[in-house]
């Protein structure tokens, strides 16, 4: 009985992250990773981990402020998709759309990002991180959920 309780307490934990698809018409805001040790030189979007005791939209609002200096109201965020992903470890990623915010976009983390760039959705650079590209493709085609990295994509 005691070992059953110990086993129940030892549950699998999966890191969760939020990713922002910030839209200006048909353009999306990309950022190029720099000096992070992960996917440096490749494009991603504003993103970060949930800190715990934090709702998905609240985490995205926090990350948008920390990375891009913009304020987003919860009603202006829409969950566009979810990805169950395997990379260095198993992860759950939430992707959120937004096309309305307050403030001027700025690079507030120049030690982690060396470029912010608006790109037309049909003209993405080749070095967009693969799972971010897949999530964006899913969003544009209306696919809400996918797994990534479990098989050869």
C-alpha atoms as a PDB file:
ATOM      1  CA  UNK A   1       0.000   0.000   0.000  1.00  0.00           C
ATOM      2  CA  UNK A   2       2.777   2.456   0.881  1.00  0.00           C
ATOM      3  CA  UNK A   3       4.592   1.787  -2.402  1.00  0.00           C
ATOM      4  CA  UNK A   4       1.354   2.501  -4.325  1.00  0.00           C
ATOM      5  CA  UNK A   5       1.084   5.896  -2.624  1.00  0.00           C
ATOM      6  CA  UNK A   6       4.755   6.661  -3.317  1.00  0.00           C
ATOM      7  CA  UNK A   7       4.213   5.738  -6.953  1.00  0.00           C
ATOM      8  CA  UNK A   8       1.194   8.061  -7.177  1.00  0.00           C
ATOM      9  CA  UNK A   9       3.272  10.951  -5.798  1.00  0.00           C
ATOM     10  CA  UNK A  10       5.989  10.332  -8.365  1.00  0.00           C
ATOM     11  CA  UNK A  11       4.098  11.530 -11.427  1.00  0.00           C
ATOM     12  CA  UNK A  12       5.401  12.373 -14.827  1.00  0.00           C
ATOM     13  CA  UNK A  13       5.822  16.128 -15.335  1.00  0.00           C
ATOM     14  CA  UNK A  14       5.925  17.840 -18.716  1.00  0.00           C
ATOM     15  CA  UNK A  15       7.234  21.396 -19.263  1.00  0.00           C
ATOM     16  CA  UNK A  16       4.680  23.711 -20.874  1.00  0.00           C
ATOM     17  CA  UNK A  17       5.386  26.742 -23.026  1.00  0.00           C
ATOM     18  CA  UNK A  18       3.448  29.496 -24.773  1.00  0.00           C
ATOM     19  CA  UNK A  19       4.229  30.896 -28.244  1.00  0.00           C
ATOM     20  CA  UNK A  20       2.824  34.108 -29.712  1.00  0.00           C
ATOM     21  CA  UNK A  21       1.700  34.407 -33.308  1.00  0.00           C
ATOM     22  CA  UNK A  22       1.583  38.208 -33.407  1.00  0.00           C
ATOM     23  CA  UNK A  23      -0.117  39.360 -36.592  1.00  0.00           C
ATOM     24  CA  UNK A  24       0.020  42.638 -38.502  1.00  0.00           C
ATOM     25  CA  UNK A  25      -2.315  41.892 -41.376  1.00  0.00           C
ATOM     26  CA  UNK A  26      -0.743  38.932 -43.198  1.00  0.00           C
ATOM     27  CA  UNK A  27       2.644  39.423 -41.519  1.00  0.00           C
ATOM     28  CA  UNK A  28       3.866  37.609 -38.430  1.00  0.00           C
ATOM     29  CA  UNK A  29       6.514  38.841 -36.003  1.00  0.00           C
ATOM     30  CA  UNK A  30       9.602  36.616 -35.894  1.00  0.00           C
ATOM     31  CA  UNK A  31      12.602  36.869 -33.616  1.00  0.00           C
ATOM     32  CA  UNK A  32      16.047  35.431 -34.251  1.00  0.00           C
ATOM     33  CA  UNK A  33      17.541  33.537 -31.328  1.00  0.00           C
ATOM     34  CA  UNK A  34      20.980  34.651 -30.198  1.00  0.00           C
ATOM     35  CA  UNK A  35      23.446  33.343 -27.574  1.00  0.00           C
ATOM     36  CA  UNK A  36      20.903  31.078 -25.867  1.00  0.00           C
ATOM     37  CA  UNK A  37      22.481  27.711 -26.600  1.00  0.00           C
ATOM     38  CA  UNK A  38      19.264  26.541 -28.292  1.00  0.00           C
ATOM     39  CA  UNK A  39      18.510  27.083 -32.005  1.00  0.00           C
ATOM     40  CA  UNK A  40      20.719  30.188 -32.119  1.00  0.00           C
ATOM     41  CA  UNK A  41      20.592  31.920 -35.511  1.00  0.00           C
ATOM     42  CA  UNK A  42      17.134  30.509 -36.238  1.00  0.00           C
ATOM     43  CA  UNK A  43      13.785  32.270 -36.161  1.00  0.00           C
ATOM     44  CA  UNK A  44      11.083  31.684 -33.605  1.00  0.00           C
ATOM     45  CA  UNK A  45       8.315  33.801 -32.113  1.00  0.00           C
ATOM     46  CA  UNK A  46       7.868  35.467 -28.741  1.00  0.00           C
ATOM     47  CA  UNK A  47       7.672  32.521 -26.353  1.00  0.00           C
ATOM     48  CA  UNK A  48       8.420  31.233 -22.893  1.00  0.00           C
ATOM     49  CA  UNK A  49       7.603  28.711 -20.218  1.00  0.00           C
ATOM     50  CA  UNK A  50       4.705  28.774 -17.832  1.00  0.00           C
ATOM     51  CA  UNK A  51       6.104  29.703 -14.418  1.00  0.00           C
ATOM     52  CA  UNK A  52       3.625  27.584 -12.454  1.00  0.00           C
ATOM     53  CA  UNK A  53       0.366  28.747 -10.910  1.00  0.00           C
ATOM     54  CA  UNK A  54      -0.078  30.725 -14.140  1.00  0.00           C
ATOM     55  CA  UNK A  55      -2.871  30.482 -16.715  1.00  0.00           C
ATOM     56  CA  UNK A  56      -1.843  30.118 -20.380  1.00  0.00           C
ATOM     57  CA  UNK A  57      -3.020  33.582 -21.458  1.00  0.00           C
ATOM     58  CA  UNK A  58      -1.410  35.186 -18.387  1.00  0.00           C
ATOM     59  CA  UNK A  59       1.908  33.538 -19.271  1.00  0.00           C
ATOM     60  CA  UNK A  60       1.655  34.807 -22.855  1.00  0.00           C
ATOM     61  CA  UNK A  61       0.857  38.335 -21.683  1.00  0.00           C
ATOM     62  CA  UNK A  62       3.895  38.242 -19.375  1.00  0.00           C
ATOM     63  CA  UNK A  63       6.206  36.931 -22.092  1.00  0.00           C
ATOM     64  CA  UNK A  64       4.977  39.520 -24.629  1.00  0.00           C
ATOM     65  CA  UNK A  65       5.876  42.267 -22.167  1.00  0.00           C
ATOM     66  CA  UNK A  66       9.229  40.730 -21.165  1.00  0.00           C
ATOM     67  CA  UNK A  67      10.408  40.053 -24.731  1.00  0.00           C
ATOM     68  CA  UNK A  68       8.691  42.626 -26.950  1.00  0.00           C
ATOM     69  CA  UNK A  69       7.561  45.402 -24.591  1.00  0.00           C
ATOM     70  CA  UNK A  70       3.900  45.198 -25.575  1.00  0.00           C
ATOM     71  CA  UNK A  71       0.738  44.925 -23.502  1.00  0.00           C
ATOM     72  CA  UNK A  72      -1.878  42.426 -24.610  1.00  0.00           C
ATOM     73  CA  UNK A  73      -5.360  42.161 -23.131  1.00  0.00           C
ATOM     74  CA  UNK A  74      -6.573  38.587 -22.444  1.00  0.00           C
ATOM     75  CA  UNK A  75      -9.556  39.042 -24.789  1.00  0.00           C
ATOM     76  CA  UNK A  76      -7.114  39.769 -27.639  1.00  0.00           C
ATOM     77  CA  UNK A  77      -5.472  36.351 -27.324  1.00  0.00           C
ATOM     78  CA  UNK A  78      -6.906  33.238 -28.938  1.00  0.00           C
ATOM     79  CA  UNK A  79      -5.431  29.785 -28.450  1.00  0.00           C
ATOM     80  CA  UNK A  80      -4.707  28.683 -32.017  1.00  0.00           C
ATOM     81  CA  UNK A  81      -3.232  25.279 -31.324  1.00  0.00           C
ATOM     82  CA  UNK A  82      -1.551  22.807 -29.034  1.00  0.00           C
ATOM     83  CA  UNK A  83       1.469  20.640 -29.781  1.00  0.00           C
ATOM     84  CA  UNK A  84       2.701  17.576 -27.902  1.00  0.00           C
ATOM     85  CA  UNK A  85       6.374  17.723 -28.740  1.00  0.00           C
ATOM     86  CA  UNK A  86       9.463  15.677 -28.172  1.00  0.00           C
ATOM     87  CA  UNK A  87      12.898  17.293 -28.415  1.00  0.00           C
ATOM     88  CA  UNK A  88      15.443  17.109 -25.620  1.00  0.00           C
ATOM     89  CA  UNK A  89      12.464  16.170 -23.447  1.00  0.00           C
ATOM     90  CA  UNK A  90       8.741  15.825 -23.774  1.00  0.00           C
ATOM     91  CA  UNK A  91       6.860  19.157 -23.936  1.00  0.00           C
ATOM     92  CA  UNK A  92       3.420  20.693 -24.362  1.00  0.00           C
ATOM     93  CA  UNK A  93       3.291  23.932 -26.366  1.00  0.00           C
ATOM     94  CA  UNK A  94       0.375  26.354 -26.635  1.00  0.00           C
ATOM     95  CA  UNK A  95       0.267  28.682 -29.663  1.00  0.00           C
ATOM     96  CA  UNK A  96      -1.753  31.876 -29.397  1.00  0.00           C
ATOM     97  CA  UNK A  97      -2.884  34.353 -32.067  1.00  0.00           C
ATOM     98  CA  UNK A  98      -2.991  38.081 -31.430  1.00  0.00           C
ATOM     99  CA  UNK A  99      -3.516  41.046 -33.756  1.00  0.00           C
ATOM    100  CA  UNK A 100      -4.184  43.827 -31.248  1.00  0.00           C
ATOM    101  CA  UNK A 101      -1.801  45.143 -28.594  1.00  0.00           C
ATOM    102  CA  UNK A 102      -0.643  48.358 -26.951  1.00  0.00           C
ATOM    103  CA  UNK A 103       2.828  49.804 -27.151  1.00  0.00           C
ATOM    104  CA  UNK A 104       5.680  49.838 -29.623  1.00  0.00           C
ATOM    105  CA  UNK A 105       7.351  46.519 -30.338  1.00  0.00           C
ATOM    106  CA  UNK A 106      10.939  46.511 -29.131  1.00  0.00           C
ATOM    107  CA  UNK A 107      13.634  43.937 -28.467  1.00  0.00           C
ATOM    108  CA  UNK A 108      13.744  43.815 -24.681  1.00  0.00           C
ATOM    109  CA  UNK A 109      16.093  40.803 -24.615  1.00  0.00           C
ATOM    110  CA  UNK A 110      19.019  41.723 -26.900  1.00  0.00           C
ATOM    111  CA  UNK A 111      21.166  39.195 -25.034  1.00  0.00           C
ATOM    112  CA  UNK A 112      18.848  36.408 -26.351  1.00  0.00           C
ATOM    113  CA  UNK A 113      17.506  37.883 -29.593  1.00  0.00           C
ATOM    114  CA  UNK A 114      19.418  39.797 -32.247  1.00  0.00           C
ATOM    115  CA  UNK A 115      16.520  40.624 -34.594  1.00  0.00           C
ATOM    116  CA  UNK A 116      12.775  41.231 -34.573  1.00  0.00           C
ATOM    117  CA  UNK A 117      11.286  41.057 -38.049  1.00  0.00           C
ATOM    118  CA  UNK A 118       7.839  41.186 -39.679  1.00  0.00           C
ATOM    119  CA  UNK A 119       7.500  38.521 -42.376  1.00  0.00           C
ATOM    120  CA  UNK A 120       4.616  37.724 -44.703  1.00  0.00           C
ATOM    121  CA  UNK A 121       3.078  34.378 -43.737  1.00  0.00           C
ATOM    122  CA  UNK A 122       3.863  32.987 -47.202  1.00  0.00           C
ATOM    123  CA  UNK A 123       7.495  34.161 -47.221  1.00  0.00           C
ATOM    124  CA  UNK A 124       8.989  32.651 -44.065  1.00  0.00           C
ATOM    125  CA  UNK A 125      12.774  32.375 -44.023  1.00  0.00           C
ATOM    126  CA  UNK A 126      14.117  28.815 -44.347  1.00  0.00           C
ATOM    127  CA  UNK A 127      15.614  28.882 -40.853  1.00  0.00           C
ATOM    128  CA  UNK A 128      12.373  29.046 -38.866  1.00  0.00           C
ATOM    129  CA  UNK A 129      12.609  26.453 -36.089  1.00  0.00           C
ATOM    130  CA  UNK A 130      10.835  23.343 -37.483  1.00  0.00           C
ATOM    131  CA  UNK A 131       8.241  22.884 -34.742  1.00  0.00           C
ATOM    132  CA  UNK A 132       7.328  26.596 -34.891  1.00  0.00           C
ATOM    133  CA  UNK A 133       6.932  26.347 -38.677  1.00  0.00           C
ATOM    134  CA  UNK A 134       4.716  23.255 -38.227  1.00  0.00           C
ATOM    135  CA  UNK A 135       2.565  25.012 -35.640  1.00  0.00           C
ATOM    136  CA  UNK A 136       2.160  28.032 -37.907  1.00  0.00           C
ATOM    137  CA  UNK A 137       1.231  25.784 -40.845  1.00  0.00           C
ATOM    138  CA  UNK A 138      -1.315  24.060 -38.601  1.00  0.00           C
ATOM    139  CA  UNK A 139      -2.765  27.386 -37.495  1.00  0.00           C
ATOM    140  CA  UNK A 140      -3.095  28.665 -41.042  1.00  0.00           C
ATOM    141  CA  UNK A 141      -4.835  25.445 -42.124  1.00  0.00           C
ATOM    142  CA  UNK A 142      -7.144  25.295 -39.084  1.00  0.00           C
ATOM    143  CA  UNK A 143      -5.531  22.231 -37.514  1.00  0.00           C
ATOM    144  CA  UNK A 144      -5.728  22.659 -33.749  1.00  0.00           C
ATOM    145  CA  UNK A 145      -3.576  19.802 -32.397  1.00  0.00           C
ATOM    146  CA  UNK A 146      -0.481  17.911 -33.506  1.00  0.00           C
ATOM    147  CA  UNK A 147       2.327  15.771 -32.181  1.00  0.00           C
ATOM    148  CA  UNK A 148       5.858  16.646 -33.293  1.00  0.00           C
ATOM    149  CA  UNK A 149       9.224  14.955 -32.942  1.00  0.00           C
ATOM    150  CA  UNK A 150       7.933  11.516 -32.038  1.00  0.00           C
ATOM    151  CA  UNK A 151       8.547  10.224 -35.570  1.00  0.00           C
ATOM    152  CA  UNK A 152      10.676  11.619 -38.351  1.00  0.00           C
ATOM    153  CA  UNK A 153       8.804  14.739 -39.538  1.00  0.00           C
END
